[in-house]
Amino acid sequence: MREHLTELSASDYFTTENDIFRTLRGLRELLTSRSFESEVRRYLDRPIHYKIRRFFVKQSGDFFKREDLVRYQQRKEDGLLVPGEFSAAETAELSRDLFDDDRIPRDRPS
Protein backbone atom coordinates (compact mmCIF):
# COMPACT_ATOMS: atom_id res chain seq x y z
CA MET A 1 0.00 0.00 0.00
CA ARG A 2 2.77 2.41 0.93
CA GLU A 3 4.35 2.19 -2.53
CA HIS A 4 1.08 3.45 -4.05
CA LEU A 5 0.92 6.65 -1.96
CA THR A 6 2.82 8.55 -4.65
CA GLU A 7 -0.07 7.80 -7.02
CA LEU A 8 -2.34 10.12 -5.01
CA SER A 9 -2.40 13.81 -5.88
CA ALA A 10 -4.42 16.95 -5.16
CA SER A 11 -6.76 15.96 -7.99
CA ASP A 12 -7.85 12.95 -5.90
CA TYR A 13 -9.45 15.21 -3.30
CA PHE A 14 -12.93 14.69 -4.78
CA THR A 15 -12.43 11.11 -5.91
CA THR A 16 -14.70 8.34 -4.67
CA GLU A 17 -13.95 5.97 -1.83
CA ASN A 18 -13.87 3.01 -4.24
CA ASP A 19 -11.28 4.76 -6.42
CA ILE A 20 -9.07 5.42 -3.39
CA PHE A 21 -9.35 1.77 -2.34
CA ARG A 22 -8.39 0.70 -5.87
CA THR A 23 -5.35 2.99 -5.78
CA LEU A 24 -4.25 2.04 -2.26
CA ARG A 25 -4.51 -1.74 -2.39
CA GLY A 26 -4.94 -3.18 1.09
CA LEU A 27 -6.41 -0.02 2.67
CA ARG A 28 -9.98 -1.33 2.83
CA GLU A 29 -8.80 -4.55 4.48
CA LEU A 30 -6.69 -2.60 6.96
CA LEU A 31 -9.52 -0.24 7.95
CA THR A 32 -12.03 -3.05 8.42
CA SER A 33 -9.65 -5.46 10.12
CA ARG A 34 -10.94 -6.82 13.43
CA SER A 35 -7.50 -6.09 14.85
CA PHE A 36 -6.90 -2.68 13.21
CA GLU A 37 -4.39 -1.45 15.78
CA SER A 38 -2.34 -4.62 15.55
CA GLU A 39 -2.37 -4.52 11.76
CA VAL A 40 -1.42 -0.84 11.40
CA ARG A 41 1.60 -1.27 13.70
CA ARG A 42 3.17 -3.56 11.11
CA TYR A 43 3.41 -0.66 8.65
CA LEU A 44 5.12 1.82 11.01
CA ASP A 45 8.81 2.60 10.87
CA ARG A 46 8.77 4.93 13.91
CA PRO A 47 6.42 5.81 16.81
CA ILE A 48 3.48 8.10 16.01
CA HIS A 49 2.00 10.50 18.56
CA TYR A 50 -1.67 11.31 17.97
CA LYS A 51 -4.82 12.67 19.66
CA ILE A 52 -7.51 10.19 20.59
CA ARG A 53 -10.91 11.85 20.32
CA ARG A 54 -13.93 10.06 21.76
CA PHE A 55 -17.35 11.54 21.10
CA PHE A 56 -20.41 10.88 23.23
CA VAL A 57 -23.88 12.24 23.99
CA LYS A 58 -24.76 13.36 27.51
CA GLN A 59 -28.44 12.62 28.06
CA SER A 60 -28.65 15.48 30.58
CA GLY A 61 -28.46 17.99 27.71
CA ASP A 62 -31.96 18.77 26.45
CA PHE A 63 -32.22 18.10 22.73
CA PHE A 64 -35.35 20.27 22.31
CA LYS A 65 -33.82 23.23 24.15
CA ARG A 66 -30.79 23.01 21.84
CA GLU A 67 -28.33 22.50 24.69
CA ASP A 68 -25.77 21.27 22.18
CA LEU A 69 -22.72 22.34 24.20
CA VAL A 70 -23.95 20.20 27.10
CA ARG A 71 -25.32 17.32 25.04
CA TYR A 72 -22.53 16.67 22.53
CA GLN A 73 -19.21 16.08 24.24
CA GLN A 74 -15.77 14.78 23.40
CA ARG A 75 -12.76 13.65 25.36
CA LYS A 76 -9.21 14.09 24.07
CA GLU A 77 -6.31 11.94 25.13
CA ASP A 78 -2.75 11.61 23.91
CA GLY A 79 -2.00 8.38 22.10
CA LEU A 80 1.20 6.68 21.00
CA LEU A 81 1.38 3.99 18.35
CA VAL A 82 4.65 2.06 18.41
CA PRO A 83 5.94 -0.17 15.60
CA GLY A 84 5.82 -3.90 16.17
CA GLU A 85 3.30 -6.62 16.66
CA PHE A 86 0.95 -7.47 19.49
CA SER A 87 0.99 -10.79 21.23
CA ALA A 88 -1.86 -13.17 20.42
CA ALA A 89 -3.57 -12.25 23.73
CA GLU A 90 -3.37 -8.53 22.98
CA THR A 91 -4.72 -9.07 19.48
CA ALA A 92 -7.67 -11.03 20.89
CA GLU A 93 -8.54 -8.02 23.08
CA LEU A 94 -8.63 -5.86 19.94
CA SER A 95 -11.56 -7.73 18.47
CA ARG A 96 -13.10 -4.68 16.77
CA ASP A 97 -12.65 -2.60 13.67
CA LEU A 98 -11.98 1.10 13.16
CA PHE A 99 -15.70 1.86 12.98
CA ASP A 100 -16.75 -0.11 16.06
CA ASP A 101 -19.13 1.90 18.28
CA ASP A 102 -18.67 -0.30 21.35
CA ARG A 103 -15.76 1.80 22.56
CA ILE A 104 -17.70 5.10 22.52
CA PRO A 105 -18.71 6.26 26.01
CA ARG A 106 -22.45 6.96 26.07
CA ASP A 107 -22.76 9.37 28.98
CA ARG A 108 -19.87 10.47 31.12
CA PRO A 109 -20.20 12.72 34.17
CA SER A 110 -18.29 15.98 33.83
C-alpha atoms as a PDB file:
ATOM      1  CA  MET A   1       0.000   0.000   0.000  1.00  0.00           C
ATOM      2  CA  ARG A   2       2.773   2.415   0.927  1.00  0.00           C
ATOM      3  CA  GLU A   3       4.345   2.187  -2.529  1.00  0.00           C
ATOM      4  CA  HIS A   4       1.077   3.451  -4.051  1.00  0.00           C
ATOM      5  CA  LEU A   5       0.919   6.652  -1.958  1.00  0.00           C
ATOM      6  CA  THR A   6       2.816   8.546  -4.650  1.00  0.00           C
ATOM      7  CA  GLU A   7      -0.066   7.796  -7.018  1.00  0.00           C
ATOM      8  CA  LEU A   8      -2.337  10.121  -5.013  1.00  0.00           C
ATOM      9  CA  SER A   9      -2.399  13.807  -5.880  1.00  0.00           C
ATOM     10  CA  ALA A  10      -4.422  16.947  -5.161  1.00  0.00           C
ATOM     11  CA  SER A  11      -6.760  15.957  -7.987  1.00  0.00           C
ATOM     12  CA  ASP A  12      -7.848  12.946  -5.901  1.00  0.00           C
ATOM     13  CA  TYR A  13      -9.454  15.206  -3.295  1.00  0.00           C
ATOM     14  CA  PHE A  14     -12.929  14.689  -4.782  1.00  0.00           C
ATOM     15  CA  THR A  15     -12.433  11.110  -5.908  1.00  0.00           C
ATOM     16  CA  THR A  16     -14.698   8.336  -4.670  1.00  0.00           C
ATOM     17  CA  GLU A  17     -13.946   5.969  -1.827  1.00  0.00           C
ATOM     18  CA  ASN A  18     -13.869   3.015  -4.238  1.00  0.00           C
ATOM     19  CA  ASP A  19     -11.277   4.765  -6.423  1.00  0.00           C
ATOM     20  CA  ILE A  20      -9.069   5.419  -3.387  1.00  0.00           C
ATOM     21  CA  PHE A  21      -9.354   1.773  -2.340  1.00  0.00           C
ATOM     22  CA  ARG A  22      -8.391   0.700  -5.873  1.00  0.00           C
ATOM     23  CA  THR A  23      -5.345   2.988  -5.783  1.00  0.00           C
ATOM     24  CA  LEU A  24      -4.250   2.041  -2.263  1.00  0.00           C
ATOM     25  CA  ARG A  25      -4.511  -1.735  -2.385  1.00  0.00           C
ATOM     26  CA  GLY A  26      -4.943  -3.176   1.094  1.00  0.00           C
ATOM     27  CA  LEU A  27      -6.405  -0.017   2.673  1.00  0.00           C
ATOM     28  CA  ARG A  28      -9.977  -1.327   2.834  1.00  0.00           C
ATOM     29  CA  GLU A  29      -8.804  -4.548   4.475  1.00  0.00           C
ATOM     30  CA  LEU A  30      -6.688  -2.600   6.961  1.00  0.00           C
ATOM     31  CA  LEU A  31      -9.520  -0.240   7.954  1.00  0.00           C
ATOM     32  CA  THR A  32     -12.027  -3.053   8.422  1.00  0.00           C
ATOM     33  CA  SER A  33      -9.653  -5.462  10.121  1.00  0.00           C
ATOM     34  CA  ARG A  34     -10.944  -6.822  13.430  1.00  0.00           C
ATOM     35  CA  SER A  35      -7.497  -6.086  14.847  1.00  0.00           C
ATOM     36  CA  PHE A  36      -6.903  -2.678  13.210  1.00  0.00           C
ATOM     37  CA  GLU A  37      -4.387  -1.447  15.780  1.00  0.00           C
ATOM     38  CA  SER A  38      -2.343  -4.618  15.553  1.00  0.00           C
ATOM     39  CA  GLU A  39      -2.366  -4.517  11.757  1.00  0.00           C
ATOM     40  CA  VAL A  40      -1.417  -0.841  11.400  1.00  0.00           C
ATOM     41  CA  ARG A  41       1.602  -1.265  13.701  1.00  0.00           C
ATOM     42  CA  ARG A  42       3.174  -3.559  11.114  1.00  0.00           C
ATOM     43  CA  TYR A  43       3.407  -0.655   8.651  1.00  0.00           C
ATOM     44  CA  LEU A  44       5.122   1.817  11.007  1.00  0.00           C
ATOM     45  CA  ASP A  45       8.813   2.602  10.868  1.00  0.00           C
ATOM     46  CA  ARG A  46       8.772   4.935  13.911  1.00  0.00           C
ATOM     47  CA  PRO A  47       6.421   5.812  16.813  1.00  0.00           C
ATOM     48  CA  ILE A  48       3.483   8.096  16.008  1.00  0.00           C
ATOM     49  CA  HIS A  49       1.997  10.497  18.560  1.00  0.00           C
ATOM     50  CA  TYR A  50      -1.670  11.312  17.971  1.00  0.00           C
ATOM     51  CA  LYS A  51      -4.818  12.668  19.662  1.00  0.00           C
ATOM     52  CA  ILE A  52      -7.507  10.190  20.591  1.00  0.00           C
ATOM     53  CA  ARG A  53     -10.912  11.849  20.318  1.00  0.00           C
ATOM     54  CA  ARG A  54     -13.927  10.061  21.762  1.00  0.00           C
ATOM     55  CA  PHE A  55     -17.355  11.539  21.099  1.00  0.00           C
ATOM     56  CA  PHE A  56     -20.414  10.882  23.231  1.00  0.00           C
ATOM     57  CA  VAL A  57     -23.878  12.238  23.993  1.00  0.00           C
ATOM     58  CA  LYS A  58     -24.762  13.364  27.505  1.00  0.00           C
ATOM     59  CA  GLN A  59     -28.438  12.617  28.056  1.00  0.00           C
ATOM     60  CA  SER A  60     -28.646  15.477  30.583  1.00  0.00           C
ATOM     61  CA  GLY A  61     -28.463  17.994  27.714  1.00  0.00           C
ATOM     62  CA  ASP A  62     -31.962  18.771  26.453  1.00  0.00           C
ATOM     63  CA  PHE A  63     -32.223  18.103  22.731  1.00  0.00           C
ATOM     64  CA  PHE A  64     -35.351  20.268  22.310  1.00  0.00           C
ATOM     65  CA  LYS A  65     -33.824  23.230  24.145  1.00  0.00           C
ATOM     66  CA  ARG A  66     -30.786  23.014  21.841  1.00  0.00           C
ATOM     67  CA  GLU A  67     -28.327  22.505  24.690  1.00  0.00           C
ATOM     68  CA  ASP A  68     -25.767  21.271  22.181  1.00  0.00           C
ATOM     69  CA  LEU A  69     -22.720  22.340  24.197  1.00  0.00           C
ATOM     70  CA  VAL A  70     -23.951  20.200  27.096  1.00  0.00           C
ATOM     71  CA  ARG A  71     -25.324  17.320  25.043  1.00  0.00           C
ATOM     72  CA  TYR A  72     -22.529  16.668  22.535  1.00  0.00           C
ATOM     73  CA  GLN A  73     -19.206  16.078  24.244  1.00  0.00           C
ATOM     74  CA  GLN A  74     -15.773  14.779  23.404  1.00  0.00           C
ATOM     75  CA  ARG A  75     -12.756  13.654  25.356  1.00  0.00           C
ATOM     76  CA  LYS A  76      -9.214  14.093  24.066  1.00  0.00           C
ATOM     77  CA  GLU A  77      -6.309  11.940  25.126  1.00  0.00           C
ATOM     78  CA  ASP A  78      -2.751  11.606  23.909  1.00  0.00           C
ATOM     79  CA  GLY A  79      -1.997   8.380  22.103  1.00  0.00           C
ATOM     80  CA  LEU A  80       1.198   6.680  21.001  1.00  0.00           C
ATOM     81  CA  LEU A  81       1.377   3.989  18.349  1.00  0.00           C
ATOM     82  CA  VAL A  82       4.650   2.056  18.415  1.00  0.00           C
ATOM     83  CA  PRO A  83       5.940  -0.174  15.599  1.00  0.00           C
ATOM     84  CA  GLY A  84       5.824  -3.896  16.171  1.00  0.00           C
ATOM     85  CA  GLU A  85       3.301  -6.618  16.661  1.00  0.00           C
ATOM     86  CA  PHE A  86       0.945  -7.472  19.490  1.00  0.00           C
ATOM     87  CA  SER A  87       0.985 -10.788  21.228  1.00  0.00           C
ATOM     88  CA  ALA A  88      -1.862 -13.175  20.422  1.00  0.00           C
ATOM     89  CA  ALA A  89      -3.566 -12.251  23.730  1.00  0.00           C
ATOM     90  CA  GLU A  90      -3.372  -8.526  22.977  1.00  0.00           C
ATOM     91  CA  THR A  91      -4.721  -9.070  19.477  1.00  0.00           C
ATOM     92  CA  ALA A  92      -7.668 -11.032  20.893  1.00  0.00           C
ATOM     93  CA  GLU A  93      -8.536  -8.023  23.075  1.00  0.00           C
ATOM     94  CA  LEU A  94      -8.627  -5.858  19.938  1.00  0.00           C
ATOM     95  CA  SER A  95     -11.564  -7.730  18.468  1.00  0.00           C
ATOM     96  CA  ARG A  96     -13.096  -4.684  16.775  1.00  0.00           C
ATOM     97  CA  ASP A  97     -12.646  -2.602  13.674  1.00  0.00           C
ATOM     98  CA  LEU A  98     -11.985   1.098  13.163  1.00  0.00           C
ATOM     99  CA  PHE A  99     -15.703   1.858  12.982  1.00  0.00           C
ATOM    100  CA  ASP A 100     -16.753  -0.113  16.059  1.00  0.00           C
ATOM    101  CA  ASP A 101     -19.131   1.904  18.280  1.00  0.00           C
ATOM    102  CA  ASP A 102     -18.674  -0.299  21.351  1.00  0.00           C
ATOM    103  CA  ARG A 103     -15.755   1.800  22.562  1.00  0.00           C
ATOM    104  CA  ILE A 104     -17.696   5.100  22.523  1.00  0.00           C
ATOM    105  CA  PRO A 105     -18.709   6.259  26.013  1.00  0.00           C
ATOM    106  CA  ARG A 106     -22.447   6.960  26.073  1.00  0.00           C
ATOM    107  CA  ASP A 107     -22.756   9.366  28.981  1.00  0.00           C
ATOM    108  CA  ARG A 108     -19.873  10.470  31.116  1.00  0.00           C
ATOM    109  CA  PRO A 109     -20.199  12.719  34.170  1.00  0.00           C
ATOM    110  CA  SER A 110     -18.291  15.984  33.827  1.00  0.00           C
END
